[in-house]
Amino acid sequence: MKTMNAAVTYAKENGERFVDELKALLRIPSISTDPERTADVRRAAEFVAAELRRIGMENVRLIETSTPETVLAPSSGPAQVVAAREGHPLVYADYLHAADVDGKAATTVLLYGHYDVQPPEPLDKWKTPPFEPTERDGNIYARGAVDDKGQMWMHVKALESLFAAGGGRLPVNVRVIVEGEEEVGGEGIAEFVREHPDELAADVALVSDSEMFAPDLPTLCVGLRGMIYTEIEARGARTDLHSGMYGGAAPNPFVALAQIIAGLKDDSGHITIPGFYDKVSPPSAAELKAWRELPFDEEHYRETEVGSTVLTGEAGFSVLERTWARPALDVHGIAGGFTGAGAKTVIPSRALAKVSMRLVPDQKPMEAFAQYKAYVEKICPKGIALEVRLIHSGDPIAVSTDNPYVRAATSAMHTVFAKETVFIRSGGSIPIVGDFIRELGIPSILMGFGLPDDNLHAPNEKFHLANFHRGIESIVRFLASVGEA
């Protein structure tokens, strides 16, 4: 308790410096999807590694990765890895000297975060430059402010505070793994977890890459949707054709994609893929009751968060059920043909669509992909050759609240926020959490401090600075509590 209180005091006294350090990290444009930013992504990894080394963590190193490119061709069976590209490095560090408690081995906590960020476009929508962090109205604005540099930095600063309060020692064993490819699928870290589970051996993982349900309301996320991200490539004629000479006779890949996509959902938002819902596990009655008691205003959500004239989705389910506990299918882009200024009457020979599905317990990504692929091929119009590719996937997650780590996290946040913690699910996906469960056999505590209006993946991304500081204190108290237990 003495160390915990001293660490909290240290964090408060050094809070301004912590923000300045975060700003330095936010200035690095570590856009993992942009090949021209490869050097910047590595620079961000080196920045994180240098700080972990400075505060006292041991065995700090960069781990090089490669990312497999997986393709499931039209008539093939299992997924095939057809190529691999150089990935962005992982950052690893550990401290494994915590004292045993009452004859039992000290608990080891695995801290996870990512230092890569989404592209900042459209740039003209930002009020200030995305890689020049700016403080306004109690928030810090920058790409990556909350997703996930700011939240990952809370982990680092909590460790620094505990080291300072403990005279260079931590109350609990800690391993740190920070990746640079979360925003492009995270295949590199997934491969490392599969091949080197001993290097990440722990009792529990702490992940801060989620959000609070509402301002000032401490929140633990206990469920994540999984996903499969795919490409459908449609090919018609051998080459682009003149629509006047061949229109009405030649197959059009764009029309084919439009027909396929339209056939994947009905008018009520129900996904039409045969068997797709067979393994959907509904939330319990108690969970549904807890969701109904949350401070949720559907009209505010529609107007402020979504910004649309109406909300869509499956009839008979609430908004929270649709986004947390029901599968979803969305189209992210269609490419091909002519999109420039003016007119060009061309029937393109090729068109491409990017389609993803969010999955819920107990759906399996590869089973869902096989169902989807078979149905897409079945409804493909005549004259079109299809290739359906799986880009990346992640398992849906449900976390039991009946474990000591959840209780430690709940207690820590109750002390900081002076409110009872609520349990929610998230509509998003964090694939690595499934890897921790499957490969390491450990639960994950999803303790996030973002807010619903923090503009993740959008212009003017922000992080509420009060939550940044409260997050550090909550993590200090969590780690100290786990160490004492």
Protein backbone atom coordinates (compact mmCIF):
# COMPACT_ATOMS: atom_id res chain seq x y z
CA MET A 1 0.00 0.00 0.00
CA LYS A 2 2.86 2.36 0.81
CA THR A 3 4.46 1.80 -2.58
CA MET A 4 1.12 2.23 -4.32
CA ASN A 5 0.43 5.58 -2.67
CA ALA A 6 3.96 6.82 -3.34
CA ALA A 7 3.62 5.81 -7.01
CA VAL A 8 0.31 7.68 -7.31
CA THR A 9 1.94 10.77 -5.81
CA TYR A 10 4.88 10.48 -8.22
CA ALA A 11 2.52 10.20 -11.20
CA LYS A 12 0.62 13.31 -10.16
CA GLU A 13 3.79 15.31 -9.58
CA ASN A 14 5.17 14.34 -12.99
CA GLY A 15 1.94 14.48 -14.96
CA GLU A 16 2.93 17.50 -17.04
CA ARG A 17 6.19 15.84 -18.10
CA PHE A 18 4.31 12.67 -19.00
CA VAL A 19 2.12 14.69 -21.39
CA ASP A 20 5.16 16.37 -22.97
CA GLU A 21 6.70 12.95 -23.59
CA LEU A 22 3.49 11.72 -25.13
CA LYS A 23 3.50 14.71 -27.47
CA ALA A 24 6.99 13.75 -28.67
CA LEU A 25 5.73 10.27 -29.52
CA LEU A 26 2.61 11.64 -31.22
CA ARG A 27 4.77 13.76 -33.53
CA ILE A 28 6.14 10.59 -35.14
CA PRO A 29 3.87 9.69 -38.09
CA SER A 30 3.97 5.93 -37.51
CA ILE A 31 1.36 5.02 -40.15
CA SER A 32 1.77 1.26 -40.46
CA THR A 33 -0.20 0.93 -43.70
CA ASP A 34 1.92 3.48 -45.61
CA PRO A 35 5.17 2.05 -47.09
CA GLU A 36 6.64 5.56 -47.23
CA ARG A 37 6.35 5.77 -43.42
CA THR A 38 8.30 2.58 -42.67
CA ALA A 39 11.22 4.53 -41.22
CA ASP A 40 8.85 6.57 -39.04
CA VAL A 41 7.17 3.43 -37.75
CA ARG A 42 10.56 2.06 -36.71
CA ARG A 43 11.44 5.41 -35.14
CA ALA A 44 8.32 5.15 -32.96
CA ALA A 45 9.32 1.61 -31.92
CA GLU A 46 12.79 2.83 -30.96
CA PHE A 47 11.24 5.72 -29.01
CA VAL A 48 9.14 3.31 -26.94
CA ALA A 49 12.05 0.92 -26.43
CA ALA A 50 14.35 3.72 -25.27
CA GLU A 51 11.81 4.86 -22.70
CA LEU A 52 11.23 1.37 -21.36
CA ARG A 53 14.97 0.97 -20.98
CA ARG A 54 15.31 4.35 -19.26
CA ILE A 55 12.66 3.70 -16.61
CA GLY A 56 14.24 0.40 -15.55
CA MET A 57 12.72 -2.39 -17.65
CA GLU A 58 15.10 -5.17 -18.65
CA ASN A 59 15.81 -7.21 -21.79
CA VAL A 60 14.44 -4.40 -23.92
CA ARG A 61 14.69 -5.19 -27.62
CA LEU A 62 13.03 -4.84 -31.00
CA ILE A 63 11.75 -8.07 -32.50
CA GLU A 64 11.60 -8.13 -36.28
CA THR A 65 8.45 -9.58 -37.85
CA SER A 66 7.19 -10.78 -41.19
CA THR A 67 3.57 -10.69 -42.21
CA PRO A 68 2.08 -13.64 -44.13
CA GLU A 69 -0.19 -12.85 -47.05
CA THR A 70 -3.02 -15.42 -46.90
CA VAL A 71 -5.20 -16.20 -49.89
CA LEU A 72 -8.13 -18.56 -50.29
CA ALA A 73 -8.52 -19.06 -54.03
CA PRO A 74 -11.95 -19.70 -55.61
CA SER A 75 -11.98 -23.49 -55.60
CA SER A 76 -9.41 -24.26 -52.94
CA GLY A 77 -9.86 -25.71 -49.47
CA PRO A 78 -7.71 -24.40 -46.60
CA ALA A 79 -6.13 -20.97 -46.58
CA GLN A 80 -2.73 -20.80 -48.25
CA VAL A 81 0.15 -18.46 -47.40
CA VAL A 82 1.38 -17.29 -50.77
CA ALA A 83 3.92 -14.66 -49.72
CA ALA A 84 5.36 -12.82 -46.76
CA ARG A 85 6.41 -9.22 -46.42
CA GLU A 86 8.68 -7.56 -43.92
CA GLY A 87 6.65 -6.34 -40.98
CA HIS A 88 7.08 -3.60 -38.41
CA PRO A 89 8.99 -4.49 -35.24
CA LEU A 90 7.59 -5.50 -31.89
CA VAL A 91 8.96 -3.89 -28.74
CA TYR A 92 9.62 -6.29 -25.86
CA ALA A 93 10.71 -5.67 -22.26
CA ASP A 94 10.38 -7.44 -18.94
CA TYR A 95 10.92 -7.24 -15.19
CA LEU A 96 10.78 -10.66 -13.50
CA HIS A 97 12.15 -10.05 -10.00
CA ALA A 98 8.98 -9.53 -7.96
CA ALA A 99 8.99 -11.23 -4.59
CA ASP A 100 6.84 -14.31 -4.04
CA VAL A 101 3.77 -13.85 -1.84
CA ASP A 102 3.00 -16.31 0.97
CA GLY A 103 5.02 -19.02 -0.71
CA LYS A 104 3.28 -18.57 -4.06
CA ALA A 105 5.07 -17.42 -7.19
CA ALA A 106 4.61 -13.74 -7.93
CA THR A 107 1.98 -12.92 -10.53
CA THR A 108 3.17 -11.93 -14.00
CA VAL A 109 1.19 -9.31 -15.93
CA LEU A 110 1.58 -8.93 -19.69
CA LEU A 111 1.09 -5.32 -20.80
CA TYR A 112 0.01 -4.87 -24.42
CA GLY A 113 -0.35 -1.81 -26.63
CA HIS A 114 0.45 -0.60 -30.14
CA TYR A 115 2.45 2.34 -31.41
CA ASP A 116 1.19 2.41 -35.01
CA VAL A 117 -1.61 4.69 -36.13
CA GLN A 118 -4.21 5.05 -38.85
CA PRO A 119 -3.66 7.36 -41.84
CA PRO A 120 -4.81 10.92 -41.01
CA GLU A 121 -6.81 11.63 -44.17
CA PRO A 122 -8.87 13.63 -44.95
CA LEU A 123 -6.37 16.27 -43.86
CA ASP A 124 -8.67 19.22 -44.58
CA LYS A 125 -11.01 18.08 -41.79
CA TRP A 126 -8.38 18.51 -39.06
CA LYS A 127 -8.51 21.76 -37.10
CA THR A 128 -4.79 21.41 -36.30
CA PRO A 129 -2.15 19.23 -38.03
CA PRO A 130 -2.60 15.54 -37.11
CA PHE A 131 1.04 15.05 -36.14
CA GLU A 132 1.43 18.29 -34.21
CA PRO A 133 -0.28 17.49 -30.89
CA THR A 134 -2.37 20.38 -29.62
CA GLU A 135 -4.14 20.90 -26.29
CA ARG A 136 -7.68 22.31 -26.47
CA ASP A 137 -10.50 22.25 -23.95
CA GLY A 138 -8.78 19.71 -21.72
CA ASN A 139 -8.00 17.34 -24.59
CA ILE A 140 -4.90 16.50 -26.58
CA TYR A 141 -5.55 16.33 -30.33
CA ALA A 142 -3.37 14.23 -32.66
CA ARG A 143 -3.51 11.06 -34.70
CA GLY A 144 -2.88 8.23 -32.25
CA ALA A 145 -3.72 10.34 -29.18
CA VAL A 146 -6.14 7.71 -27.85
CA ASP A 147 -5.64 4.85 -30.35
CA ASP A 148 -3.30 3.73 -28.99
CA LYS A 149 -0.23 5.83 -28.21
CA GLY A 150 -1.84 7.74 -25.37
CA GLN A 151 -3.25 4.64 -23.72
CA MET A 152 -0.07 2.62 -24.28
CA TRP A 153 1.92 5.50 -22.75
CA MET A 154 -0.22 5.20 -19.60
CA HIS A 155 1.25 1.72 -19.12
CA VAL A 156 4.80 3.00 -19.48
CA LYS A 157 4.24 5.89 -17.09
CA ALA A 158 2.53 3.64 -14.53
CA LEU A 159 5.60 1.41 -14.59
CA GLU A 160 7.88 4.42 -14.20
CA SER A 161 5.87 5.60 -11.20
CA LEU A 162 6.04 2.17 -9.55
CA PHE A 163 9.77 1.89 -10.21
CA ALA A 164 10.35 5.32 -8.66
CA ALA A 165 8.23 4.53 -5.61
CA GLY A 166 9.74 1.06 -5.15
CA GLY A 167 13.37 2.06 -5.31
CA GLY A 168 13.89 0.43 -8.69
CA ARG A 169 11.65 -2.59 -8.03
CA LEU A 170 8.12 -3.47 -9.12
CA PRO A 171 5.50 -5.13 -6.92
CA VAL A 172 4.62 -7.59 -9.67
CA ASN A 173 6.38 -9.34 -12.54
CA VAL A 174 5.79 -7.58 -15.84
CA ARG A 175 6.29 -8.38 -19.50
CA VAL A 176 5.63 -5.68 -22.10
CA ILE A 177 4.83 -6.30 -25.75
CA VAL A 178 4.03 -3.34 -28.02
CA GLU A 179 3.29 -3.88 -31.69
CA GLY A 180 3.44 -1.73 -34.80
CA GLU A 181 0.84 -3.42 -36.99
CA GLU A 182 -2.42 -3.39 -35.04
CA GLU A 183 -3.97 -1.04 -37.58
CA VAL A 184 -3.16 -3.41 -40.47
CA GLY A 185 -4.27 -6.69 -38.92
CA GLY A 186 -1.56 -7.60 -36.40
CA GLU A 187 -0.39 -10.76 -38.18
CA GLY A 188 3.23 -10.20 -37.10
CA ILE A 189 2.49 -10.28 -33.38
CA ALA A 190 0.05 -13.16 -33.83
CA GLU A 191 2.80 -15.23 -35.42
CA PHE A 192 5.21 -14.35 -32.60
CA VAL A 193 2.67 -15.35 -29.94
CA ARG A 194 2.09 -18.68 -31.71
CA GLU A 195 5.77 -19.47 -32.14
CA HIS A 196 7.20 -18.07 -28.89
CA PRO A 197 4.55 -18.41 -26.17
CA ASP A 198 7.22 -19.01 -23.53
CA GLU A 199 8.61 -15.51 -24.06
CA LEU A 200 5.23 -14.02 -23.16
CA ALA A 201 4.30 -16.42 -20.36
CA ALA A 202 2.07 -14.57 -17.89
CA ASP A 203 -0.99 -14.96 -15.68
CA VAL A 204 -3.05 -12.13 -17.14
CA ALA A 205 -2.82 -9.51 -19.89
CA LEU A 206 -3.71 -5.85 -19.44
CA VAL A 207 -4.93 -4.13 -22.61
CA SER A 208 -5.78 -0.43 -22.78
CA ASP A 209 -7.12 -0.01 -26.30
CA SER A 210 -10.82 0.49 -25.59
CA GLU A 211 -13.10 3.17 -24.24
CA MET A 212 -15.29 4.13 -21.32
CA PHE A 213 -19.01 3.95 -21.92
CA ALA A 214 -19.51 7.56 -20.87
CA PRO A 215 -17.46 10.40 -19.33
CA ASP A 216 -16.50 9.80 -15.69
CA LEU A 217 -17.91 6.27 -15.80
CA PRO A 218 -15.23 3.60 -15.10
CA THR A 219 -15.63 0.81 -17.59
CA LEU A 220 -14.30 -2.67 -18.22
CA CYS A 221 -14.88 -4.20 -21.63
CA VAL A 222 -15.76 -7.89 -21.28
CA GLY A 223 -16.58 -8.73 -24.88
CA LEU A 224 -15.19 -8.01 -28.35
CA ARG A 225 -16.54 -8.82 -31.76
CA GLY A 226 -14.24 -10.79 -34.00
CA MET A 227 -13.84 -10.13 -37.69
CA ILE A 228 -12.92 -11.37 -41.13
CA TYR A 229 -11.65 -8.82 -43.64
CA THR A 230 -11.88 -9.88 -47.26
CA GLU A 231 -11.44 -8.84 -50.86
CA ILE A 232 -13.65 -9.93 -53.73
CA GLU A 233 -12.03 -9.55 -57.14
CA ALA A 234 -14.35 -9.85 -60.13
CA ARG A 235 -12.99 -10.30 -63.65
CA GLY A 236 -14.99 -10.15 -66.89
CA ALA A 237 -13.46 -9.58 -70.32
CA ARG A 238 -9.73 -9.88 -71.03
CA THR A 239 -9.41 -6.10 -71.30
CA ASP A 240 -11.45 -2.92 -70.81
CA LEU A 241 -14.10 -2.55 -73.47
CA HIS A 242 -16.01 0.28 -75.17
CA SER A 243 -19.49 0.33 -73.66
CA GLY A 244 -21.08 1.45 -76.92
CA MET A 245 -19.66 -1.41 -78.92
CA TYR A 246 -19.96 -4.12 -76.23
CA GLY A 247 -22.51 -2.86 -73.71
CA GLY A 248 -25.37 -5.34 -73.39
CA ALA A 249 -23.20 -8.28 -74.41
CA ALA A 250 -20.04 -8.13 -72.29
CA PRO A 251 -20.10 -8.97 -68.55
CA ASN A 252 -19.49 -5.99 -66.27
CA PRO A 253 -17.50 -6.74 -63.07
CA PHE A 254 -18.86 -3.63 -61.33
CA VAL A 255 -22.46 -4.67 -61.91
CA ALA A 256 -21.56 -8.17 -60.75
CA LEU A 257 -20.05 -6.85 -57.52
CA ALA A 258 -23.08 -4.65 -56.91
CA GLN A 259 -25.38 -7.65 -57.36
CA ILE A 260 -23.24 -9.84 -55.07
CA ILE A 261 -23.02 -7.21 -52.35
CA ALA A 262 -26.73 -6.48 -52.52
CA GLY A 263 -27.37 -10.18 -52.07
CA LEU A 264 -25.41 -10.43 -48.83
CA LYS A 265 -28.05 -8.65 -46.69
CA ASP A 266 -31.81 -8.32 -46.88
CA ASP A 267 -33.87 -5.17 -46.38
CA SER A 268 -34.05 -5.67 -42.61
CA GLY A 269 -30.27 -5.82 -42.24
CA HIS A 270 -30.17 -9.60 -41.80
CA ILE A 271 -27.10 -11.29 -43.35
CA THR A 272 -28.34 -13.81 -45.91
CA ILE A 273 -25.34 -16.17 -45.93
CA PRO A 274 -26.70 -19.67 -45.22
CA GLY A 275 -25.73 -20.95 -41.78
CA PHE A 276 -24.09 -17.66 -40.78
CA TYR A 277 -26.11 -17.27 -37.57
CA ASP A 278 -26.09 -20.93 -36.54
CA LYS A 279 -23.42 -20.50 -33.85
CA VAL A 280 -24.31 -17.01 -32.62
CA SER A 281 -24.45 -17.13 -28.82
CA PRO A 282 -26.85 -14.49 -27.45
CA PRO A 283 -26.03 -12.41 -24.35
CA SER A 284 -27.50 -13.57 -21.07
CA ALA A 285 -30.63 -12.06 -19.59
CA ALA A 286 -28.54 -10.51 -16.82
CA GLU A 287 -26.21 -8.90 -19.36
CA LEU A 288 -29.10 -7.50 -21.36
CA LYS A 289 -30.62 -6.09 -18.18
CA ALA A 290 -27.31 -4.39 -17.30
CA TRP A 291 -27.12 -2.86 -20.78
CA ARG A 292 -30.62 -1.42 -20.45
CA GLU A 293 -29.50 0.35 -17.26
CA LEU A 294 -26.55 2.08 -18.94
CA PRO A 295 -26.83 5.84 -19.61
CA PHE A 296 -27.51 5.47 -23.33
CA ASP A 297 -29.49 7.95 -25.40
CA GLU A 298 -30.23 6.50 -28.83
CA GLU A 299 -31.12 9.85 -30.36
CA HIS A 300 -27.90 11.44 -29.09
CA TYR A 301 -25.97 8.47 -30.47
CA ARG A 302 -27.65 8.88 -33.88
CA GLU A 303 -27.15 12.62 -34.11
CA THR A 304 -23.81 13.15 -32.37
CA GLU A 305 -21.81 9.96 -32.83
CA VAL A 306 -23.19 8.57 -36.10
CA GLY A 307 -24.40 11.81 -37.69
CA SER A 308 -27.06 10.18 -39.87
CA THR A 309 -30.75 10.77 -40.38
CA VAL A 310 -31.69 7.26 -39.25
CA LEU A 311 -30.11 4.20 -37.65
CA THR A 312 -30.16 0.94 -39.57
CA GLY A 313 -29.67 -2.72 -38.69
CA GLU A 314 -31.55 -5.83 -37.69
CA ALA A 315 -35.10 -5.30 -36.58
CA GLY A 316 -35.94 -6.47 -33.08
CA PHE A 317 -32.59 -5.65 -31.51
CA SER A 318 -31.50 -2.55 -29.59
CA VAL A 319 -28.58 -0.44 -30.81
CA LEU A 320 -26.28 -1.90 -28.14
CA GLU A 321 -27.28 -5.43 -29.08
CA ARG A 322 -26.70 -4.70 -32.78
CA THR A 323 -23.25 -3.23 -32.19
CA TRP A 324 -22.06 -5.50 -29.35
CA ALA A 325 -23.75 -8.89 -29.70
CA ARG A 326 -24.89 -9.30 -33.31
CA PRO A 327 -22.80 -9.95 -36.43
CA ALA A 328 -22.43 -7.18 -38.99
CA LEU A 329 -21.37 -6.99 -42.63
CA ASP A 330 -19.96 -3.85 -44.22
CA VAL A 331 -18.40 -2.77 -47.49
CA HIS A 332 -15.35 -0.52 -47.19
CA GLY A 333 -14.44 0.29 -50.76
CA ILE A 334 -14.93 -0.61 -54.42
CA ALA A 335 -12.15 0.02 -56.92
CA GLY A 336 -11.67 -0.33 -60.66
CA GLY A 337 -12.73 1.24 -63.91
CA PHE A 338 -12.78 5.00 -64.50
CA THR A 339 -13.34 7.52 -61.68
CA GLY A 340 -11.61 10.61 -63.04
CA ALA A 341 -13.13 13.91 -64.12
CA GLY A 342 -15.34 13.85 -67.19
CA ALA A 343 -16.55 10.72 -68.93
CA LYS A 344 -14.98 7.55 -70.23
CA THR A 345 -17.43 4.95 -71.50
CA VAL A 346 -15.58 1.85 -70.48
CA ILE A 347 -16.65 -1.58 -69.28
CA PRO A 348 -13.82 -2.45 -66.89
CA SER A 349 -12.25 -5.87 -67.10
CA ARG A 350 -11.73 -5.99 -63.35
CA ALA A 351 -13.30 -4.62 -60.17
CA LEU A 352 -12.45 -5.10 -56.51
CA ALA A 353 -14.53 -4.80 -53.33
CA LYS A 354 -13.34 -4.87 -49.73
CA VAL A 355 -15.88 -6.50 -47.42
CA SER A 356 -15.67 -7.32 -43.72
CA MET A 357 -17.85 -9.14 -41.22
CA ARG A 358 -17.88 -8.61 -37.47
CA LEU A 359 -18.40 -11.86 -35.58
CA VAL A 360 -19.75 -12.63 -32.13
CA PRO A 361 -19.35 -15.57 -29.74
CA ASP A 362 -19.35 -18.48 -30.73
CA GLN A 363 -18.66 -17.86 -34.41
CA LYS A 364 -15.33 -19.06 -35.81
CA PRO A 365 -13.58 -16.83 -38.37
CA MET A 366 -12.54 -19.61 -40.77
CA GLU A 367 -15.98 -21.23 -40.65
CA ALA A 368 -17.67 -17.89 -41.29
CA PHE A 369 -15.27 -17.15 -44.13
CA ALA A 370 -15.95 -20.52 -45.76
CA GLN A 371 -19.73 -19.89 -45.57
CA TYR A 372 -19.31 -16.39 -46.99
CA LYS A 373 -17.01 -17.52 -49.81
CA ALA A 374 -19.28 -20.37 -50.85
CA TYR A 375 -22.30 -18.07 -50.95
CA VAL A 376 -20.52 -15.32 -52.89
CA GLU A 377 -19.46 -17.86 -55.49
CA LYS A 378 -22.99 -19.28 -55.64
CA ILE A 379 -24.65 -15.92 -56.37
CA CYS A 380 -21.94 -14.71 -58.76
CA PRO A 381 -23.47 -13.69 -62.12
CA LYS A 382 -22.60 -15.61 -65.25
CA GLY A 383 -19.52 -14.56 -67.17
CA ILE A 384 -17.63 -13.36 -64.09
CA ALA A 385 -14.58 -15.07 -62.60
CA LEU A 386 -14.18 -14.47 -58.87
CA GLU A 387 -11.30 -14.60 -56.44
CA VAL A 388 -12.27 -14.29 -52.77
CA ARG A 389 -9.34 -13.44 -50.50
CA LEU A 390 -9.05 -13.43 -46.72
CA ILE A 391 -6.89 -10.49 -45.64
CA HIS A 392 -6.99 -10.95 -41.87
CA SER A 393 -9.20 -12.31 -39.13
CA GLY A 394 -9.74 -12.28 -35.38
CA ASP A 395 -11.78 -14.30 -32.90
CA PRO A 396 -14.73 -12.86 -30.96
CA ILE A 397 -14.05 -12.70 -27.23
CA ALA A 398 -16.15 -13.01 -24.10
CA VAL A 399 -14.33 -12.42 -20.79
CA SER A 400 -15.62 -13.87 -17.53
CA THR A 401 -16.03 -11.26 -14.82
CA ASP A 402 -15.54 -13.89 -12.11
CA ASN A 403 -11.77 -13.73 -11.68
CA PRO A 404 -9.43 -11.90 -9.28
CA TYR A 405 -7.94 -9.69 -11.98
CA VAL A 406 -11.33 -8.23 -12.88
CA ARG A 407 -11.93 -7.62 -9.20
CA ALA A 408 -8.55 -5.88 -8.87
CA ALA A 409 -9.26 -3.69 -11.90
CA THR A 410 -12.75 -2.86 -10.65
CA SER A 411 -11.39 -1.88 -7.23
CA ALA A 412 -8.63 0.26 -8.75
CA MET A 413 -11.02 2.24 -10.94
CA HIS A 414 -13.56 2.60 -8.14
CA THR A 415 -10.88 4.28 -6.03
CA VAL A 416 -9.91 6.64 -8.85
CA PHE A 417 -13.39 7.52 -10.15
CA ALA A 418 -15.40 7.06 -6.93
CA LYS A 419 -18.05 5.21 -8.95
CA GLU A 420 -19.04 1.62 -9.56
CA THR A 421 -17.47 0.09 -12.65
CA VAL A 422 -19.78 -0.96 -15.50
CA PHE A 423 -19.19 -3.96 -17.75
CA ILE A 424 -19.75 -3.52 -21.47
CA ARG A 425 -18.94 -5.18 -24.75
CA SER A 426 -17.32 -3.48 -27.73
CA GLY A 427 -18.34 -3.69 -31.34
CA GLY A 428 -14.71 -3.45 -32.37
CA SER A 429 -12.07 -6.15 -32.59
CA ILE A 430 -8.67 -6.56 -30.93
CA PRO A 431 -7.40 -9.79 -32.53
CA ILE A 432 -4.46 -10.17 -30.15
CA VAL A 433 -6.82 -10.74 -27.21
CA GLY A 434 -7.97 -13.95 -28.87
CA ASP A 435 -4.35 -14.96 -29.39
CA PHE A 436 -3.61 -14.42 -25.70
CA ILE A 437 -6.50 -16.69 -24.76
CA ARG A 438 -5.81 -19.35 -27.38
CA GLU A 439 -1.99 -19.47 -27.38
CA LEU A 440 -1.07 -18.28 -23.87
CA GLY A 441 -4.12 -19.52 -21.99
CA ILE A 442 -4.55 -16.26 -20.09
CA PRO A 443 -7.46 -13.84 -19.63
CA SER A 444 -7.23 -10.21 -20.69
CA ILE A 445 -8.36 -7.18 -18.72
CA LEU A 446 -9.64 -4.57 -21.17
CA MET A 447 -9.23 -1.38 -19.15
CA GLY A 448 -9.65 1.51 -21.56
CA PHE A 449 -9.96 5.23 -20.94
CA GLY A 450 -11.04 6.63 -24.29
CA LEU A 451 -14.41 8.31 -24.78
CA PRO A 452 -17.10 7.64 -27.41
CA ASP A 453 -16.44 11.02 -29.05
CA ASP A 454 -12.63 10.69 -29.24
CA ASN A 455 -12.81 10.30 -33.06
CA LEU A 456 -10.87 7.07 -33.42
CA HIS A 457 -9.73 6.61 -37.04
CA ALA A 458 -11.27 9.99 -37.90
CA PRO A 459 -10.08 13.60 -38.16
CA ASN A 460 -9.51 15.45 -34.88
CA GLU A 461 -8.74 12.35 -32.84
CA LYS A 462 -8.31 13.30 -29.20
CA PHE A 463 -7.65 11.99 -25.70
CA HIS A 464 -9.19 13.63 -22.66
CA LEU A 465 -6.17 14.53 -20.53
CA ALA A 466 -7.99 13.91 -17.26
CA ASN A 467 -8.56 10.34 -18.43
CA PHE A 468 -4.89 10.01 -19.37
CA HIS A 469 -3.89 10.85 -15.80
CA ARG A 470 -6.66 8.80 -14.22
CA GLY A 471 -5.67 5.91 -16.44
CA ILE A 472 -2.10 6.01 -15.14
CA GLU A 473 -3.34 6.01 -11.55
CA SER A 474 -5.76 3.16 -12.22
CA ILE A 475 -3.00 1.05 -13.77
CA VAL A 476 -0.67 1.81 -10.85
CA ARG A 477 -3.32 0.66 -8.40
CA PHE A 478 -4.17 -2.42 -10.47
CA LEU A 479 -0.57 -3.60 -10.74
CA ALA A 480 0.14 -2.92 -7.07
CA SER A 481 -3.02 -4.72 -6.04
CA VAL A 482 -2.21 -7.77 -8.18
CA GLY A 483 1.30 -7.80 -6.71
CA GLU A 484 0.02 -7.72 -3.15
CA ALA A 485 -2.49 -10.49 -3.82
